[in-house]
Amino acid sequence: MSKLCKICGQPEREHHEFQPVEIPEGCVCDPGTWDISDTIPDVCSEHKGDGIQYCLTCDHDKKCHKPAEKTLGEILFK
C-alpha cells in the first residue's frame, strides 16, 4: 500500500515536502476513505454498530477493532 500525502492526497511525490497521513495503530481502513485534511481518530476498544456501517464511536471499520493480542505472560499466567 502506498502512503498518501496529507497535503495533496496523492502518493508520495517530489513536488513538495512529503507529509504522510498519520494512521493510528490498528487501523486497516483504506487511507483513501478519510478526508486528507482530517486527523484520523484512534480506534476505540469496541465496535459500536451493526458491523456493516462504520463504528458510531470512532468512525472506523469493524476490521480495525480486532482484540489486542495477548502477551505470553497473559497466556501463561491467566
Protein backbone atom coordinates (compact mmCIF):
# COMPACT_ATOMS: atom_id res chain seq x y z
CA MET A 1 0.00 0.00 0.00
CA SER A 2 1.47 3.35 -0.96
CA LYS A 3 1.47 6.20 1.52
CA LEU A 4 -0.73 9.18 0.77
CA CYS A 5 0.32 12.77 1.31
CA LYS A 6 -1.82 14.72 3.80
CA ILE A 7 -1.27 17.93 1.82
CA CYS A 8 -2.41 16.82 -1.64
CA GLY A 9 -3.81 13.31 -1.10
CA GLN A 10 -1.61 11.87 -3.84
CA PRO A 11 1.02 9.14 -3.45
CA GLU A 12 4.45 10.32 -2.37
CA ARG A 13 5.87 12.75 -4.91
CA GLU A 14 8.86 15.08 -5.06
CA HIS A 15 6.89 18.26 -5.86
CA HIS A 16 6.83 19.35 -2.20
CA GLU A 17 7.95 18.10 1.19
CA PHE A 18 6.10 14.84 1.73
CA GLN A 19 3.93 14.73 4.84
CA PRO A 20 2.31 11.31 5.24
CA VAL A 21 -1.18 10.84 6.61
CA GLU A 22 -0.74 9.53 10.14
CA ILE A 23 -2.65 6.28 10.52
CA PRO A 24 -3.37 5.20 14.09
CA GLU A 25 -2.30 1.81 15.40
CA GLY A 26 -4.76 -0.92 14.50
CA CYS A 27 -6.34 0.97 11.62
CA VAL A 28 -6.71 -1.14 8.48
CA CYS A 29 -9.04 1.26 6.66
CA ASP A 30 -8.18 2.26 3.12
CA PRO A 31 -6.36 5.62 3.55
CA GLY A 32 -8.49 7.00 0.72
CA THR A 33 -11.54 6.58 2.96
CA TRP A 34 -10.56 9.55 5.08
CA ASP A 35 -10.62 13.20 4.05
CA ILE A 36 -6.91 14.06 3.82
CA SER A 37 -7.42 17.21 5.92
CA ASP A 38 -8.80 15.07 8.78
CA THR A 39 -6.79 13.74 11.65
CA ILE A 40 -7.70 10.08 11.66
CA PRO A 41 -9.08 9.23 15.12
CA ASP A 42 -7.72 6.40 17.22
CA VAL A 43 -9.58 3.10 17.03
CA CYS A 44 -11.82 2.66 20.08
CA SER A 45 -11.86 -0.54 22.12
CA GLU A 46 -15.15 -1.97 20.79
CA HIS A 47 -17.06 -1.54 17.52
CA LYS A 48 -20.44 0.08 18.20
CA GLY A 49 -22.99 -0.52 15.47
CA ASP A 50 -24.35 -3.24 13.24
CA GLY A 51 -20.97 -4.34 11.85
CA ILE A 52 -21.82 -3.16 8.36
CA GLN A 53 -21.53 0.57 8.96
CA TYR A 54 -18.57 2.41 10.44
CA CYS A 55 -18.28 2.49 14.23
CA LEU A 56 -20.57 5.04 15.86
CA THR A 57 -17.82 5.98 18.34
CA CYS A 58 -14.63 6.30 16.28
CA ASP A 59 -15.85 6.05 12.65
CA HIS A 60 -13.53 3.11 11.84
CA ASP A 61 -14.42 -0.09 10.01
CA LYS A 62 -15.22 -3.20 12.10
CA LYS A 63 -11.95 -4.81 10.84
CA CYS A 64 -9.99 -2.14 12.75
CA HIS A 65 -11.48 -3.35 16.04
CA LYS A 66 -9.55 -6.57 16.43
CA PRO A 67 -8.95 -7.54 20.05
CA ALA A 68 -5.42 -6.87 21.25
CA GLU A 69 -3.19 -9.92 21.05
CA LYS A 70 -2.40 -11.44 24.41
CA THR A 71 1.16 -11.36 25.64
CA LEU A 72 2.94 -14.60 26.54
CA GLY A 73 2.63 -13.63 30.22
CA GLU A 74 -1.13 -13.22 29.93
CA ILE A 75 -1.41 -16.64 28.29
CA LEU A 76 0.82 -18.46 30.81
CA PHE A 77 -0.42 -16.75 33.98
CA LYS A 78 -4.14 -16.49 33.22
